[in-house]
Amino acid sequence: MKITTYNVNGIKARLPRLLEYLAEADADIVCLQELKASDETFPVKDIEAAGYGAVWHGQKSWNGVAVLARGTQPVERQRGLAGEEEDEHSRYLECEVNGLVVASLYLPNGNPQPGPKFDYKLRWMERLATRARELLAEEVPAVLAGDYNVTPNDDDTFSVPAMASDALMQPESRAAYRRLLAQGWTDSLRTRAPKGGVWTYWDYRAGGWERNDGFRIDHLLLSPQAADRLVDAGVDKSYRGREKASDHAPTWVKLRD
C-alpha cells in the first residue's frame, strides 16, 4: 500500500500535474494540501474519473486538505482540530481507508516570527499533539501525512544560515515536532534517510529547484501499528521538475497490506 502526501499549491492550477501523478505513481492513498479551492469548486469529477474516491475540506483561496483513495471512498472521521472554536482554517482532515486511519494536515507556516502567526503555529501543533495521542490510544494503524512546515533537523535544509530566522526551523517548532515523535510516532522518511539531505520542497524564487536548494517539510508519521508494516519511504522528486509544477514533490510511504 503506497500512501502519498502532496502539497499541490492550488489544485485548479496544478490539476494536470495531479492527474498525471494519479495515473503514473501507483498510489493507493493520496493526501493533498493547500488546495486553495472552496468545497464547491473542488474537481471531484476529474478525480473520480481517475479512479479515486475523495473527501475534501476546502477553503477559498487558502489552505484546504483532501484524502483520495484508489478504487474506494474514504470514510471521514474528523475535520478540523479541537481547541480553538474560532479557528476556521481548513488544515486537518482525518479519514479511514480499508482499516487504515489517514490524516491529511497542513500545518501553519508561522512566518513572520516572532508574532501572532508563529504563536498560532505553535498552538496548532499542540492541538495536533492532543489528537495524535487520542489516535495512539485507539491502537490502530494510523498515518499523519502532510506539510508540517517544520524542518526537524539541520540536515533537513540546504542551508542552516539561510533558514535561521524562518519559522520552519525555530527551536520551538522543532521541539513541538519532537514531542509528537516522543508519543510513539515514527518519521518514516527519516528511517530511510537517517543522515538527511533529502528534500521535499524547493522554492520557486531564486532558482531553488535548479540549484537543488530545498528542505524537508513534508512528513508521514506512523503509529506503532503502521510502523510495524513499513516497507519503504521516499520522494517522487521528478514531479517537481515538470512544467507548472507545485513547489513540493510527492512524498510517500509503503506499508505491507
C-alpha atoms as a PDB file:
ATOM      1  CA  MET A   1       0.000   0.000   0.000  1.00  0.00           C
ATOM      2  CA  LYS A   2       1.502   3.331  -1.068  1.00  0.00           C
ATOM      3  CA  ILE A   3       0.386   6.441   0.820  1.00  0.00           C
ATOM      4  CA  THR A   4       1.452   9.813  -0.592  1.00  0.00           C
ATOM      5  CA  THR A   5       1.332  13.309   0.806  1.00  0.00           C
ATOM      6  CA  TYR A   6       1.321  16.047  -1.834  1.00  0.00           C
ATOM      7  CA  ASN A   7       1.036  19.795  -1.302  1.00  0.00           C
ATOM      8  CA  VAL A   8      -0.335  20.770  -4.714  1.00  0.00           C
ATOM      9  CA  ASN A   9      -0.152  24.560  -4.153  1.00  0.00           C
ATOM     10  CA  GLY A  10      -3.516  25.199  -5.809  1.00  0.00           C
ATOM     11  CA  ILE A  11      -5.480  22.242  -7.108  1.00  0.00           C
ATOM     12  CA  LYS A  12      -7.062  24.107 -10.012  1.00  0.00           C
ATOM     13  CA  ALA A  13      -3.710  25.377 -11.292  1.00  0.00           C
ATOM     14  CA  ARG A  14      -1.970  22.003 -10.751  1.00  0.00           C
ATOM     15  CA  LEU A  15      -4.789  19.662 -11.759  1.00  0.00           C
ATOM     16  CA  PRO A  16      -2.937  18.341 -14.855  1.00  0.00           C
ATOM     17  CA  ARG A  17       0.093  17.511 -12.676  1.00  0.00           C
ATOM     18  CA  LEU A  18      -2.097  15.821 -10.056  1.00  0.00           C
ATOM     19  CA  LEU A  19      -3.919  13.712 -12.644  1.00  0.00           C
ATOM     20  CA  GLU A  20      -0.557  12.690 -14.106  1.00  0.00           C
ATOM     21  CA  TYR A  21       0.557  11.609 -10.679  1.00  0.00           C
ATOM     22  CA  LEU A  22      -2.583   9.589 -10.064  1.00  0.00           C
ATOM     23  CA  ALA A  23      -2.158   7.864 -13.444  1.00  0.00           C
ATOM     24  CA  GLU A  24       1.552   7.140 -13.096  1.00  0.00           C
ATOM     25  CA  ALA A  25       2.593   6.726  -9.493  1.00  0.00           C
ATOM     26  CA  ASP A  26       0.554   3.702  -8.342  1.00  0.00           C
ATOM     27  CA  ALA A  27      -0.534   5.420  -5.135  1.00  0.00           C
ATOM     28  CA  ASP A  28      -3.345   3.831  -3.116  1.00  0.00           C
ATOM     29  CA  ILE A  29      -3.992   6.861  -0.889  1.00  0.00           C
ATOM     30  CA  VAL A  30      -3.081  10.468  -1.685  1.00  0.00           C
ATOM     31  CA  CYS A  31      -3.302  13.207   0.936  1.00  0.00           C
ATOM     32  CA  LEU A  32      -3.454  16.685  -0.574  1.00  0.00           C
ATOM     33  CA  GLN A  33      -2.715  20.059   0.996  1.00  0.00           C
ATOM     34  CA  GLU A  34      -3.033  23.711   0.032  1.00  0.00           C
ATOM     35  CA  LEU A  35      -5.998  23.144  -2.272  1.00  0.00           C
ATOM     36  CA  LYS A  36      -6.766  26.878  -2.439  1.00  0.00           C
ATOM     37  CA  ALA A  37     -10.293  25.971  -3.527  1.00  0.00           C
ATOM     38  CA  SER A  38     -13.716  26.079  -1.922  1.00  0.00           C
ATOM     39  CA  ASP A  39     -15.680  22.891  -1.320  1.00  0.00           C
ATOM     40  CA  GLU A  40     -17.893  23.767  -4.272  1.00  0.00           C
ATOM     41  CA  THR A  41     -15.012  24.140  -6.748  1.00  0.00           C
ATOM     42  CA  PHE A  42     -13.061  21.021  -5.770  1.00  0.00           C
ATOM     43  CA  PRO A  43     -12.604  18.995  -9.026  1.00  0.00           C
ATOM     44  CA  VAL A  44     -14.214  15.828  -7.735  1.00  0.00           C
ATOM     45  CA  LYS A  45     -15.392  14.628 -11.160  1.00  0.00           C
ATOM     46  CA  ASP A  46     -11.856  14.699 -12.563  1.00  0.00           C
ATOM     47  CA  ILE A  47     -10.528  12.800  -9.573  1.00  0.00           C
ATOM     48  CA  GLU A  48     -13.290  10.205  -9.723  1.00  0.00           C
ATOM     49  CA  ALA A  49     -12.618   9.773 -13.442  1.00  0.00           C
ATOM     50  CA  ALA A  50      -9.025   8.962 -12.497  1.00  0.00           C
ATOM     51  CA  GLY A  51     -10.319   6.120 -10.323  1.00  0.00           C
ATOM     52  CA  TYR A  52     -10.186   7.727  -6.882  1.00  0.00           C
ATOM     53  CA  GLY A  53     -12.786   8.436  -4.250  1.00  0.00           C
ATOM     54  CA  ALA A  54     -12.327  11.699  -2.394  1.00  0.00           C
ATOM     55  CA  VAL A  55     -13.150  13.567   0.790  1.00  0.00           C
ATOM     56  CA  TRP A  56     -12.111  17.200   1.000  1.00  0.00           C
ATOM     57  CA  HIS A  57     -12.160  20.177   3.335  1.00  0.00           C
ATOM     58  CA  GLY A  58     -11.767  23.254   1.177  1.00  0.00           C
ATOM     59  CA  GLN A  59     -11.292  26.964   1.709  1.00  0.00           C
ATOM     60  CA  LYS A  60     -11.460  29.651  -0.945  1.00  0.00           C
ATOM     61  CA  SER A  61      -8.022  30.950  -1.970  1.00  0.00           C
ATOM     62  CA  TRP A  62      -6.219  29.482   1.049  1.00  0.00           C
ATOM     63  CA  ASN A  63      -5.395  26.231   2.836  1.00  0.00           C
ATOM     64  CA  GLY A  64      -7.572  23.175   2.114  1.00  0.00           C
ATOM     65  CA  VAL A  65      -6.871  19.451   2.538  1.00  0.00           C
ATOM     66  CA  ALA A  66      -8.184  16.247   0.953  1.00  0.00           C
ATOM     67  CA  VAL A  67      -7.849  12.463   1.131  1.00  0.00           C
ATOM     68  CA  LEU A  68      -8.069  10.418  -2.078  1.00  0.00           C
ATOM     69  CA  ALA A  69      -8.318   6.620  -2.209  1.00  0.00           C
ATOM     70  CA  ARG A  70      -7.943   4.454  -5.277  1.00  0.00           C
ATOM     71  CA  GLY A  71     -10.977   2.337  -6.057  1.00  0.00           C
ATOM     72  CA  THR A  72     -12.857   3.171  -2.878  1.00  0.00           C
ATOM     73  CA  GLN A  73     -14.452   6.024  -0.954  1.00  0.00           C
ATOM     74  CA  PRO A  74     -12.608   7.291   2.141  1.00  0.00           C
ATOM     75  CA  VAL A  75     -14.776   7.401   5.245  1.00  0.00           C
ATOM     76  CA  GLU A  76     -14.482  10.722   7.033  1.00  0.00           C
ATOM     77  CA  ARG A  77     -13.719  10.575  10.757  1.00  0.00           C
ATOM     78  CA  GLN A  78     -12.934  14.182  11.667  1.00  0.00           C
ATOM     79  CA  ARG A  79     -12.323  17.569  10.070  1.00  0.00           C
ATOM     80  CA  GLY A  80     -10.522  20.263  11.967  1.00  0.00           C
ATOM     81  CA  LEU A  81      -8.846  20.069  15.357  1.00  0.00           C
ATOM     82  CA  ALA A  82     -10.475  20.763  18.683  1.00  0.00           C
ATOM     83  CA  GLY A  83      -9.215  23.533  20.930  1.00  0.00           C
ATOM     84  CA  GLU A  84      -9.997  26.795  19.125  1.00  0.00           C
ATOM     85  CA  GLU A  85     -13.616  27.107  18.058  1.00  0.00           C
ATOM     86  CA  GLU A  86     -12.879  30.374  16.264  1.00  0.00           C
ATOM     87  CA  ASP A  87     -10.266  28.724  14.005  1.00  0.00           C
ATOM     88  CA  GLU A  88     -11.819  28.472  10.536  1.00  0.00           C
ATOM     89  CA  HIS A  89      -8.693  27.359   8.663  1.00  0.00           C
ATOM     90  CA  SER A  90      -9.127  24.157   6.643  1.00  0.00           C
ATOM     91  CA  ARG A  91      -5.994  22.354   7.761  1.00  0.00           C
ATOM     92  CA  TYR A  92      -6.911  18.893   9.087  1.00  0.00           C
ATOM     93  CA  LEU A  93      -8.950  16.040   7.630  1.00  0.00           C
ATOM     94  CA  GLU A  94      -8.990  12.512   9.030  1.00  0.00           C
ATOM     95  CA  CYS A  95     -10.405   9.505   7.183  1.00  0.00           C
ATOM     96  CA  GLU A  96     -10.426   5.730   7.279  1.00  0.00           C
ATOM     97  CA  VAL A  97      -9.477   3.715   4.210  1.00  0.00           C
ATOM     98  CA  ASN A  98      -9.582  -0.082   4.334  1.00  0.00           C
ATOM     99  CA  GLY A  99      -8.831  -0.205   8.044  1.00  0.00           C
ATOM    100  CA  LEU A 100      -6.081   2.436   7.941  1.00  0.00           C
ATOM    101  CA  VAL A 101      -6.616   5.823   9.594  1.00  0.00           C
ATOM    102  CA  VAL A 102      -5.083   8.594   7.495  1.00  0.00           C
ATOM    103  CA  ALA A 103      -4.985  12.299   8.305  1.00  0.00           C
ATOM    104  CA  SER A 104      -4.074  14.961   5.765  1.00  0.00           C
ATOM    105  CA  LEU A 105      -2.731  18.029   7.526  1.00  0.00           C
ATOM    106  CA  TYR A 106      -1.405  21.423   6.527  1.00  0.00           C
ATOM    107  CA  LEU A 107       0.412  22.975   9.430  1.00  0.00           C
ATOM    108  CA  PRO A 108       0.626  26.793   9.605  1.00  0.00           C
ATOM    109  CA  ASN A 109       3.771  28.336   8.172  1.00  0.00           C
ATOM    110  CA  GLY A 110       4.243  30.691  11.103  1.00  0.00           C
ATOM    111  CA  ASN A 111       6.134  33.483   9.375  1.00  0.00           C
ATOM    112  CA  PRO A 112       6.973  36.150  10.234  1.00  0.00           C
ATOM    113  CA  GLN A 113       8.266  35.202  13.624  1.00  0.00           C
ATOM    114  CA  PRO A 114       8.030  36.212  16.350  1.00  0.00           C
ATOM    115  CA  GLY A 115       4.439  37.308  16.119  1.00  0.00           C
ATOM    116  CA  PRO A 116       0.808  36.146  16.098  1.00  0.00           C
ATOM    117  CA  LYS A 117       1.272  33.831  13.093  1.00  0.00           C
ATOM    118  CA  PHE A 118       4.069  31.982  14.880  1.00  0.00           C
ATOM    119  CA  ASP A 119       2.029  31.810  18.081  1.00  0.00           C
ATOM    120  CA  TYR A 120      -0.848  30.295  16.069  1.00  0.00           C
ATOM    121  CA  LYS A 121       1.530  27.725  14.561  1.00  0.00           C
ATOM    122  CA  LEU A 122       2.668  26.562  17.998  1.00  0.00           C
ATOM    123  CA  ARG A 123      -0.896  26.397  19.338  1.00  0.00           C
ATOM    124  CA  TRP A 124      -1.934  24.378  16.283  1.00  0.00           C
ATOM    125  CA  MET A 125       0.904  21.930  16.877  1.00  0.00           C
ATOM    126  CA  GLU A 126      -0.240  21.425  20.452  1.00  0.00           C
ATOM    127  CA  ARG A 127      -3.783  20.758  19.226  1.00  0.00           C
ATOM    128  CA  LEU A 128      -2.389  18.255  16.742  1.00  0.00           C
ATOM    129  CA  ALA A 129      -0.448  16.579  19.537  1.00  0.00           C
ATOM    130  CA  THR A 130      -3.660  16.170  21.517  1.00  0.00           C
ATOM    131  CA  ARG A 131      -5.376  14.468  18.574  1.00  0.00           C
ATOM    132  CA  ALA A 132      -2.286  12.338  17.920  1.00  0.00           C
ATOM    133  CA  ARG A 133      -2.387  10.999  21.476  1.00  0.00           C
ATOM    134  CA  GLU A 134      -6.043  10.108  21.032  1.00  0.00           C
ATOM    135  CA  LEU A 135      -5.221   8.180  17.851  1.00  0.00           C
ATOM    136  CA  LEU A 136      -2.435   6.276  19.583  1.00  0.00           C
ATOM    137  CA  ALA A 137      -4.856   5.308  22.334  1.00  0.00           C
ATOM    138  CA  GLU A 138      -7.035   3.627  19.689  1.00  0.00           C
ATOM    139  CA  GLU A 139      -4.125   1.261  18.898  1.00  0.00           C
ATOM    140  CA  VAL A 140      -4.883   1.259  15.177  1.00  0.00           C
ATOM    141  CA  PRO A 141      -2.606   1.661  12.145  1.00  0.00           C
ATOM    142  CA  ALA A 142      -2.565   5.405  11.503  1.00  0.00           C
ATOM    143  CA  VAL A 143      -0.627   7.845   9.325  1.00  0.00           C
ATOM    144  CA  LEU A 144      -0.355  11.583   9.939  1.00  0.00           C
ATOM    145  CA  ALA A 145       0.590  12.822   6.468  1.00  0.00           C
ATOM    146  CA  GLY A 146       1.114  16.347   5.285  1.00  0.00           C
ATOM    147  CA  ASP A 147       3.022  19.575   5.009  1.00  0.00           C
ATOM    148  CA  TYR A 148       4.235  20.186   8.555  1.00  0.00           C
ATOM    149  CA  ASN A 149       6.155  23.372   7.723  1.00  0.00           C
ATOM    150  CA  VAL A 150       8.906  22.132  10.041  1.00  0.00           C
ATOM    151  CA  THR A 151      12.466  21.124   9.159  1.00  0.00           C
ATOM    152  CA  PRO A 152      13.132  18.795  12.094  1.00  0.00           C
ATOM    153  CA  ASN A 153      16.945  18.742  11.844  1.00  0.00           C
ATOM    154  CA  ASP A 154      19.769  20.876  10.499  1.00  0.00           C
ATOM    155  CA  ASP A 155      20.407  18.297   7.769  1.00  0.00           C
ATOM    156  CA  ASP A 156      16.811  18.719   6.558  1.00  0.00           C
ATOM    157  CA  THR A 157      17.677  22.047   4.910  1.00  0.00           C
ATOM    158  CA  PHE A 158      20.123  23.103   2.233  1.00  0.00           C
ATOM    159  CA  SER A 159      21.433  25.958   4.398  1.00  0.00           C
ATOM    160  CA  VAL A 160      21.055  26.469   8.117  1.00  0.00           C
ATOM    161  CA  PRO A 161      22.216  30.128   7.937  1.00  0.00           C
ATOM    162  CA  ALA A 162      19.731  30.906   5.153  1.00  0.00           C
ATOM    163  CA  MET A 163      16.863  29.487   7.219  1.00  0.00           C
ATOM    164  CA  ALA A 164      17.989  30.685  10.646  1.00  0.00           C
ATOM    165  CA  SER A 165      15.211  33.248  11.091  1.00  0.00           C
ATOM    166  CA  ASP A 166      12.485  31.193   9.430  1.00  0.00           C
ATOM    167  CA  ALA A 167       9.606  29.800  11.488  1.00  0.00           C
ATOM    168  CA  LEU A 168      10.172  26.382   9.901  1.00  0.00           C
ATOM    169  CA  MET A 169      13.339  25.712  11.893  1.00  0.00           C
ATOM    170  CA  GLN A 170      12.881  27.665  15.109  1.00  0.00           C
ATOM    171  CA  PRO A 171      13.660  25.742  18.317  1.00  0.00           C
ATOM    172  CA  GLU A 172      10.019  25.930  19.389  1.00  0.00           C
ATOM    173  CA  SER A 173       8.787  24.417  16.098  1.00  0.00           C
ATOM    174  CA  ARG A 174      11.326  21.622  16.264  1.00  0.00           C
ATOM    175  CA  ALA A 175      10.586  20.916  19.919  1.00  0.00           C
ATOM    176  CA  ALA A 176       6.871  20.570  19.154  1.00  0.00           C
ATOM    177  CA  TYR A 177       7.702  18.122  16.339  1.00  0.00           C
ATOM    178  CA  ARG A 178       9.970  16.099  18.639  1.00  0.00           C
ATOM    179  CA  ARG A 179       7.187  15.903  21.206  1.00  0.00           C
ATOM    180  CA  LEU A 180       4.993  14.302  18.556  1.00  0.00           C
ATOM    181  CA  LEU A 181       7.637  11.686  17.838  1.00  0.00           C
ATOM    182  CA  ALA A 182       8.119  11.092  21.565  1.00  0.00           C
ATOM    183  CA  GLN A 183       4.494   9.984  21.795  1.00  0.00           C
ATOM    184  CA  GLY A 184       5.464   6.946  19.719  1.00  0.00           C
ATOM    185  CA  TRP A 185       5.167   8.120  16.109  1.00  0.00           C
ATOM    186  CA  THR A 186       7.781   7.134  13.516  1.00  0.00           C
ATOM    187  CA  ASP A 187       9.112   9.650  10.976  1.00  0.00           C
ATOM    188  CA  SER A 188       9.000   7.254   8.021  1.00  0.00           C
ATOM    189  CA  LEU A 189      11.258   9.129   5.583  1.00  0.00           C
ATOM    190  CA  ARG A 190      13.860   9.720   8.277  1.00  0.00           C
ATOM    191  CA  THR A 191      14.150   5.973   8.797  1.00  0.00           C
ATOM    192  CA  ARG A 192      15.232   5.648   5.154  1.00  0.00           C
ATOM    193  CA  ALA A 193      17.451   8.749   5.112  1.00  0.00           C
ATOM    194  CA  PRO A 194      18.884   8.982   8.645  1.00  0.00           C
ATOM    195  CA  LYS A 195      21.657  11.365   7.549  1.00  0.00           C
ATOM    196  CA  GLY A 196      19.241  13.829   5.949  1.00  0.00           C
ATOM    197  CA  GLY A 197      19.890  15.611   2.691  1.00  0.00           C
ATOM    198  CA  VAL A 198      16.543  14.584   1.202  1.00  0.00           C
ATOM    199  CA  TRP A 199      14.293  17.457   0.174  1.00  0.00           C
ATOM    200  CA  THR A 200      10.535  17.602  -0.400  1.00  0.00           C
ATOM    201  CA  TYR A 201      10.220  21.339  -1.191  1.00  0.00           C
ATOM    202  CA  TRP A 202      12.094  23.770  -3.440  1.00  0.00           C
ATOM    203  CA  ASP A 203      11.156  27.460  -3.510  1.00  0.00           C
ATOM    204  CA  TYR A 204      10.125  28.986  -6.828  1.00  0.00           C
ATOM    205  CA  ARG A 205      12.308  32.009  -6.114  1.00  0.00           C
ATOM    206  CA  ALA A 206      15.994  32.452  -6.853  1.00  0.00           C
ATOM    207  CA  GLY A 207      16.434  29.176  -8.730  1.00  0.00           C
ATOM    208  CA  GLY A 208      15.893  26.927  -5.748  1.00  0.00           C
ATOM    209  CA  TRP A 209      14.955  23.917  -7.857  1.00  0.00           C
ATOM    210  CA  GLU A 210      17.751  24.391 -10.369  1.00  0.00           C
ATOM    211  CA  ARG A 211      20.374  24.586  -7.596  1.00  0.00           C
ATOM    212  CA  ASN A 212      18.697  21.867  -5.512  1.00  0.00           C
ATOM    213  CA  ASP A 213      18.314  24.332  -2.645  1.00  0.00           C
ATOM    214  CA  GLY A 214      15.495  22.599  -0.839  1.00  0.00           C
ATOM    215  CA  PHE A 215      14.382  21.315   2.506  1.00  0.00           C
ATOM    216  CA  ARG A 216      12.277  18.557   4.058  1.00  0.00           C
ATOM    217  CA  ILE A 217       8.944  19.722   5.439  1.00  0.00           C
ATOM    218  CA  ASP A 218       6.533  17.033   4.158  1.00  0.00           C
ATOM    219  CA  HIS A 219       6.313  14.151   6.612  1.00  0.00           C
ATOM    220  CA  LEU A 220       4.390  10.911   7.086  1.00  0.00           C
ATOM    221  CA  LEU A 221       4.320   9.896  10.753  1.00  0.00           C
ATOM    222  CA  LEU A 222       3.345   6.312  11.524  1.00  0.00           C
ATOM    223  CA  SER A 223       1.670   4.902  14.615  1.00  0.00           C
ATOM    224  CA  PRO A 224       3.383   1.780  16.023  1.00  0.00           C
ATOM    225  CA  GLN A 225       0.810  -0.430  14.300  1.00  0.00           C
ATOM    226  CA  ALA A 226       1.589   1.231  10.947  1.00  0.00           C
ATOM    227  CA  ALA A 227       5.348   1.342  11.558  1.00  0.00           C
ATOM    228  CA  ASP A 228       5.326  -2.440  12.004  1.00  0.00           C
ATOM    229  CA  ARG A 229       4.172  -2.634   8.357  1.00  0.00           C
ATOM    230  CA  LEU A 230       6.758  -0.178   6.968  1.00  0.00           C
ATOM    231  CA  VAL A 231       8.366  -1.349   3.726  1.00  0.00           C
ATOM    232  CA  ASP A 232       9.872   1.820   2.255  1.00  0.00           C
ATOM    233  CA  ALA A 233       9.605   5.614   2.080  1.00  0.00           C
ATOM    234  CA  GLY A 234      10.766   8.181  -0.438  1.00  0.00           C
ATOM    235  CA  VAL A 235      10.142  11.262  -2.556  1.00  0.00           C
ATOM    236  CA  ASP A 236       8.864  11.273  -6.146  1.00  0.00           C
ATOM    237  CA  LYS A 237      11.254  14.141  -6.877  1.00  0.00           C
ATOM    238  CA  SER A 238      10.895  14.198 -10.668  1.00  0.00           C
ATOM    239  CA  TYR A 239       7.364  15.618 -10.428  1.00  0.00           C
ATOM    240  CA  ARG A 240       8.797  18.858  -9.025  1.00  0.00           C
ATOM    241  CA  GLY A 241      10.647  19.406 -12.310  1.00  0.00           C
ATOM    242  CA  ARG A 242       7.608  19.254 -14.581  1.00  0.00           C
ATOM    243  CA  GLU A 243       6.034  22.238 -16.271  1.00  0.00           C
ATOM    244  CA  LYS A 244       3.951  24.409 -13.911  1.00  0.00           C
ATOM    245  CA  ALA A 245       4.600  22.005 -11.044  1.00  0.00           C
ATOM    246  CA  SER A 246       3.924  22.535  -7.370  1.00  0.00           C
ATOM    247  CA  ASP A 247       6.889  23.684  -5.305  1.00  0.00           C
ATOM    248  CA  HIS A 248       6.525  20.442  -3.307  1.00  0.00           C
ATOM    249  CA  ALA A 249       7.266  16.919  -4.526  1.00  0.00           C
ATOM    250  CA  PRO A 250       5.000  13.989  -3.648  1.00  0.00           C
ATOM    251  CA  THR A 251       6.397  12.208  -0.601  1.00  0.00           C
ATOM    252  CA  TRP A 252       5.351   8.651   0.213  1.00  0.00           C
ATOM    253  CA  VAL A 253       5.483   5.606   2.414  1.00  0.00           C
ATOM    254  CA  LYS A 254       4.796   1.975   1.517  1.00  0.00           C
ATOM    255  CA  LEU A 255       3.180  -0.337   4.058  1.00  0.00           C
ATOM    256  CA  ARG A 256       2.507  -4.046   3.844  1.00  0.00           C
ATOM    257  CA  ASP A 257      -1.149  -4.787   3.179  1.00  0.00           C
END
